[in-house]
Amino acid sequence: MKIIETIILGIVQGIAEFLPISSSAHLIIFRDVFGIGSFVTGDMELSFDIALHFGTFLAILVFFFKDFWKMFIKGFTKGTKDPDGKMMWMIVVATIPAAIFGVLFEDVITDLVRTNYALIAICLAIMGIIIKYCDKLNEESRSFKDMSFRDALLVGCAQVCALIPGFSRSGTTISMARVLKINRSDAARFSFYLSAPVVLGAVAIKVLKGEMISLITYDPKTFIIGVVISFVSGLLCIKFLLNYIKKHDYNIFMWYRLLMALIVLVVLLFK
């Protein structure tokens, strides 16, 4: 049963990390509200979530390896004069706000929000509406190659909201990119790029604190299965979303968020 629940959580992470539906909210809801993965408790909870995020980081790294490699080489050899080099430095700029707020307020958010399931459900619903109308009311007149450093910083500031479970990192960054009139495909791609440094930084902080290593050695099988499953499902989800938004808008994600929020509130009411 424990392995099955670990697999379910890995799939949830792989899907919810890249679709604009909030992976952190879904992991909390599945575990604490629906009781799937309830064996993950105490100090292991956040470390296990970070491990699953590491699986999706690997998915991003593998899927966009050629893009990242070109950005890295051009970024340090030609700088902002080259489009790929400029993209690397825009990712750096967009990462700064979330990095600062994450370090300063992670513990506060963990204490105040992660167990407030009603608030998480409300955030799911609110962000669903925001995603729909940010997408609907803005043209697709620009690509991410037209982005400025100001645009990158604005997307990065929007990403800060994703520290609160329910808002969604991909949801906030895609929404801001659409406000800036970036087309749907490039808005999603830039959001995917941004996930790599943020997730890697979160994993690095946990490892440096020493918490994660001790928990992994205590139960390595669970962590390995979770990382592998989130990696595989993440790869599939990236490919799905990039294909899906070529012909569709983000409406379906609003309706899904509203439905999930309603289900959570009903379960809490009768629990």
Protein backbone atom coordinates (compact mmCIF):
# COMPACT_ATOMS: atom_id res chain seq x y z
CA MET A 1 0.00 0.00 0.00
CA LYS A 2 2.84 2.37 0.85
CA ILE A 3 4.46 1.84 -2.56
CA ILE A 4 1.15 2.40 -4.37
CA GLU A 5 0.56 5.64 -2.49
CA THR A 6 4.12 6.77 -3.26
CA ILE A 7 3.50 6.10 -6.96
CA ILE A 8 0.25 8.09 -6.84
CA LEU A 9 1.98 11.05 -5.20
CA GLY A 10 4.79 10.86 -7.78
CA ILE A 11 2.25 10.98 -10.61
CA VAL A 12 0.41 13.86 -8.94
CA GLN A 13 3.66 15.82 -8.66
CA GLY A 14 4.70 15.12 -12.25
CA ILE A 15 1.35 16.29 -13.60
CA ALA A 16 0.62 19.19 -11.25
CA GLU A 17 4.10 20.74 -11.42
CA PHE A 18 3.77 21.63 -15.08
CA LEU A 19 0.04 22.07 -15.51
CA PRO A 20 -1.09 25.37 -13.91
CA ILE A 21 -2.90 23.65 -11.03
CA SER A 22 -0.35 23.81 -8.14
CA SER A 23 1.69 20.72 -7.29
CA SER A 24 2.26 21.76 -3.66
CA ALA A 25 -1.49 22.16 -3.10
CA HIS A 26 -2.22 18.79 -4.69
CA LEU A 27 0.39 16.96 -2.63
CA ILE A 28 -1.04 18.49 0.56
CA ILE A 29 -4.64 17.76 -0.46
CA PHE A 30 -4.00 14.17 -1.53
CA ARG A 31 -2.03 13.43 1.62
CA ASP A 32 -3.85 15.36 4.34
CA VAL A 33 -7.41 15.65 3.00
CA PHE A 34 -7.80 12.47 0.92
CA GLY A 35 -5.46 10.36 3.08
CA ILE A 36 -3.24 9.16 0.21
CA GLY A 37 0.34 9.11 1.45
CA SER A 38 -0.56 9.77 5.05
CA PHE A 39 2.56 7.77 6.03
CA VAL A 40 4.54 10.92 5.10
CA THR A 41 4.48 12.87 8.35
CA GLY A 42 6.55 15.28 10.44
CA ASP A 43 9.97 16.28 9.11
CA MET A 44 9.62 13.82 6.23
CA GLU A 45 6.66 15.68 4.73
CA LEU A 46 8.42 18.72 3.29
CA SER A 47 11.57 16.74 2.43
CA PHE A 48 9.51 14.17 0.52
CA ASP A 49 7.73 16.94 -1.39
CA ILE A 50 11.10 18.47 -2.27
CA ALA A 51 12.34 15.06 -3.45
CA LEU A 52 9.32 14.75 -5.76
CA HIS A 53 10.06 18.23 -7.05
CA PHE A 54 13.61 17.06 -7.75
CA GLY A 55 12.13 14.38 -10.01
CA THR A 56 10.32 17.06 -12.02
CA PHE A 57 13.52 19.15 -12.08
CA LEU A 58 15.24 16.20 -13.77
CA ALA A 59 12.35 16.02 -16.24
CA ILE A 60 12.86 19.68 -17.15
CA LEU A 61 16.62 19.21 -17.41
CA VAL A 62 16.29 16.22 -19.74
CA PHE A 63 13.48 17.63 -21.89
CA PHE A 64 15.15 21.01 -22.43
CA PHE A 65 18.79 19.91 -22.14
CA LYS A 66 19.79 21.30 -25.56
CA ASP A 67 18.10 24.63 -24.78
CA PHE A 68 19.80 24.94 -21.39
CA TRP A 69 23.17 23.98 -22.83
CA LYS A 70 22.96 26.66 -25.54
CA MET A 71 21.83 29.24 -22.98
CA PHE A 72 24.72 28.37 -20.66
CA ILE A 73 27.40 28.51 -23.36
CA LYS A 74 26.08 31.64 -25.05
CA GLY A 75 25.30 33.32 -21.75
CA PHE A 76 28.92 33.20 -20.64
CA THR A 77 30.54 33.71 -24.04
CA LYS A 78 28.33 36.24 -25.83
CA GLY A 79 26.12 37.52 -23.01
CA THR A 80 22.94 39.42 -23.81
CA LYS A 81 23.99 40.09 -27.40
CA ASP A 82 22.92 36.55 -28.29
CA PRO A 83 19.21 35.52 -27.92
CA ASP A 84 20.11 32.31 -26.05
CA GLY A 85 22.59 34.13 -23.84
CA LYS A 86 20.02 36.82 -23.09
CA MET A 87 17.48 34.12 -22.17
CA MET A 88 19.86 32.65 -19.60
CA TRP A 89 20.33 36.01 -17.87
CA MET A 90 16.59 36.71 -17.96
CA ILE A 91 16.02 33.41 -16.17
CA VAL A 92 18.56 34.52 -13.55
CA VAL A 93 16.76 37.86 -13.11
CA ALA A 94 13.33 36.18 -12.92
CA THR A 95 14.59 33.73 -10.28
CA ILE A 96 15.84 36.37 -7.84
CA PRO A 97 12.47 37.43 -6.29
CA ALA A 98 11.36 33.86 -5.52
CA ALA A 99 14.81 33.01 -4.16
CA ILE A 100 14.78 35.96 -1.75
CA PHE A 101 11.21 35.46 -0.54
CA GLY A 102 11.66 31.69 -0.36
CA VAL A 103 14.65 31.99 1.97
CA LEU A 104 13.01 34.68 4.13
CA PHE A 105 9.46 33.36 4.40
CA GLU A 106 9.50 29.59 3.76
CA ASP A 107 9.12 28.70 7.45
CA VAL A 108 6.37 31.30 7.99
CA ILE A 109 4.36 30.03 5.02
CA THR A 110 4.87 26.42 6.10
CA ASP A 111 3.53 27.16 9.57
CA LEU A 112 0.58 29.32 8.53
CA VAL A 113 -0.63 27.91 5.21
CA ARG A 114 0.29 24.27 4.64
CA THR A 115 -2.32 23.02 7.13
CA ASN A 116 -4.99 25.59 6.24
CA TYR A 117 -6.79 23.40 3.72
CA ALA A 118 -9.75 25.73 3.24
CA LEU A 119 -7.39 28.58 2.35
CA ILE A 120 -5.54 26.34 -0.11
CA ALA A 121 -8.86 25.44 -1.76
CA ILE A 122 -9.79 29.12 -2.03
CA CYS A 123 -6.40 29.89 -3.59
CA LEU A 124 -6.99 27.13 -6.13
CA ALA A 125 -10.29 28.70 -7.15
CA ILE A 126 -9.04 32.30 -7.24
CA MET A 127 -5.96 31.46 -9.30
CA GLY A 128 -8.06 29.43 -11.71
CA ILE A 129 -10.13 32.52 -12.51
CA ILE A 130 -6.99 34.66 -12.78
CA ILE A 131 -5.41 32.22 -15.26
CA LYS A 132 -8.52 32.19 -17.45
CA TYR A 133 -8.87 35.95 -17.72
CA CYS A 134 -5.15 36.72 -18.01
CA ASP A 135 -5.15 34.35 -20.97
CA LYS A 136 -8.48 35.44 -22.47
CA LEU A 137 -8.06 39.21 -22.28
CA ASN A 138 -4.57 39.45 -23.76
CA GLU A 139 -3.30 39.09 -27.32
CA GLU A 140 -0.54 36.75 -28.48
CA SER A 141 1.56 39.45 -30.08
CA ARG A 142 5.00 38.61 -28.64
CA SER A 143 7.35 35.65 -28.23
CA PHE A 144 9.77 35.19 -25.35
CA LYS A 145 12.53 36.43 -27.66
CA ASP A 146 10.81 39.83 -27.49
CA MET A 147 10.93 39.85 -23.69
CA SER A 148 12.92 42.50 -21.85
CA PHE A 149 14.62 42.16 -18.47
CA ARG A 150 11.74 44.17 -17.03
CA ASP A 151 9.33 41.55 -18.34
CA ALA A 152 11.44 38.77 -16.85
CA LEU A 153 11.50 40.53 -13.47
CA LEU A 154 7.69 40.93 -13.52
CA VAL A 155 7.25 37.22 -14.25
CA GLY A 156 9.69 36.48 -11.43
CA CYS A 157 7.73 38.67 -9.02
CA ALA A 158 4.54 36.83 -9.97
CA GLN A 159 6.31 33.57 -9.17
CA VAL A 160 6.64 34.71 -5.54
CA CYS A 161 2.89 34.14 -5.09
CA ALA A 162 3.48 30.45 -5.79
CA LEU A 163 5.12 30.11 -2.36
CA ILE A 164 1.52 29.89 -1.11
CA PRO A 165 0.11 26.43 -1.96
CA GLY A 166 -2.79 26.73 -4.37
CA PHE A 167 -1.49 29.58 -6.51
CA SER A 168 0.88 27.45 -8.64
CA ARG A 169 4.32 28.38 -9.90
CA SER A 170 3.43 27.61 -13.51
CA GLY A 171 0.03 29.29 -13.11
CA THR A 172 1.43 32.58 -11.81
CA THR A 173 4.31 32.78 -14.29
CA ILE A 174 2.17 31.83 -17.30
CA SER A 175 -0.51 34.34 -16.27
CA MET A 176 1.98 37.19 -15.98
CA ALA A 177 3.58 36.25 -19.28
CA ARG A 178 0.14 36.34 -20.93
CA VAL A 179 -0.52 39.78 -19.39
CA LEU A 180 2.71 40.82 -21.15
CA LYS A 181 1.16 39.43 -24.37
CA ILE A 182 3.61 36.53 -24.69
CA ASN A 183 1.99 33.79 -26.79
CA ARG A 184 0.70 30.70 -24.97
CA SER A 185 3.44 28.33 -26.13
CA ASP A 186 6.31 30.62 -25.20
CA ALA A 187 4.66 31.61 -21.92
CA ALA A 188 4.57 27.93 -20.94
CA ARG A 189 8.11 27.32 -22.17
CA PHE A 190 9.50 30.26 -20.18
CA SER A 191 7.61 29.01 -17.13
CA PHE A 192 9.22 25.59 -17.57
CA TYR A 193 12.67 27.17 -17.84
CA LEU A 194 12.07 29.07 -14.59
CA SER A 195 11.19 25.94 -12.66
CA ALA A 196 14.71 24.52 -12.97
CA PRO A 197 16.67 27.01 -10.80
CA VAL A 198 13.84 27.41 -8.26
CA VAL A 199 13.46 23.67 -7.64
CA LEU A 200 17.22 23.08 -7.67
CA GLY A 201 17.65 25.84 -5.11
CA ALA A 202 14.97 24.37 -2.83
CA VAL A 203 16.62 20.94 -3.00
CA ALA A 204 20.06 22.44 -2.33
CA ILE A 205 18.83 24.27 0.78
CA LYS A 206 17.33 21.06 2.19
CA VAL A 207 20.51 19.11 1.48
CA LEU A 208 22.73 21.78 3.06
CA LYS A 209 20.58 21.75 6.18
CA GLY A 210 21.24 18.02 6.42
CA GLU A 211 17.56 17.15 6.88
CA MET A 212 17.00 15.48 3.56
CA ILE A 213 20.02 13.17 3.61
CA SER A 214 19.11 11.65 6.97
CA LEU A 215 15.50 11.08 5.89
CA ILE A 216 16.53 9.51 2.57
CA THR A 217 18.89 7.08 4.29
CA TYR A 218 16.09 6.19 6.71
CA ASP A 219 13.69 5.25 3.88
CA PRO A 220 15.58 5.27 0.55
CA LYS A 221 13.09 3.05 -1.32
CA THR A 222 10.21 5.51 -0.87
CA PHE A 223 12.29 8.48 -1.99
CA ILE A 224 13.73 6.70 -5.04
CA ILE A 225 10.32 5.49 -6.24
CA GLY A 226 8.82 8.96 -5.76
CA VAL A 227 11.62 10.68 -7.70
CA VAL A 228 11.51 8.19 -10.60
CA ILE A 229 7.72 8.36 -10.96
CA SER A 230 7.61 12.17 -10.78
CA PHE A 231 10.42 12.29 -13.37
CA VAL A 232 8.63 10.03 -15.87
CA SER A 233 5.19 11.60 -15.41
CA GLY A 234 6.79 15.06 -15.58
CA LEU A 235 8.36 14.31 -18.95
CA LEU A 236 5.02 13.16 -20.34
CA CYS A 237 3.21 16.18 -18.92
CA ILE A 238 5.65 18.71 -20.42
CA LYS A 239 5.14 17.19 -23.85
CA PHE A 240 1.36 17.11 -23.37
CA LEU A 241 1.03 20.76 -22.32
CA LEU A 242 3.27 22.11 -25.09
CA ASN A 243 1.13 20.25 -27.64
CA TYR A 244 -2.18 21.06 -25.96
CA ILE A 245 -1.79 24.84 -25.87
CA LYS A 246 -1.01 25.03 -29.58
CA LYS A 247 -4.74 24.61 -30.22
CA HIS A 248 -6.43 25.29 -26.87
CA ASP A 249 -6.67 27.98 -24.22
CA TYR A 250 -6.37 27.58 -20.42
CA ASN A 251 -10.12 27.35 -19.68
CA ILE A 252 -10.01 23.67 -18.75
CA PHE A 253 -7.57 24.41 -15.93
CA MET A 254 -9.89 27.02 -14.43
CA TRP A 255 -12.78 24.54 -14.37
CA TYR A 256 -10.57 21.84 -12.91
CA ARG A 257 -9.35 24.18 -10.17
CA LEU A 258 -12.88 25.24 -9.29
CA LEU A 259 -14.01 21.61 -9.14
CA MET A 260 -11.05 20.55 -6.97
CA ALA A 261 -11.61 23.50 -4.63
CA LEU A 262 -15.28 22.55 -4.26
CA ILE A 263 -14.42 18.89 -3.57
CA VAL A 264 -11.89 19.86 -0.89
CA LEU A 265 -14.32 22.23 0.84
CA VAL A 266 -17.08 19.59 0.82
CA VAL A 267 -14.74 16.92 2.21
CA LEU A 268 -13.60 19.31 4.95
CA LEU A 269 -17.21 20.15 5.77
CA PHE A 270 -18.14 16.52 6.40
CA LYS A 271 -14.82 15.29 7.75
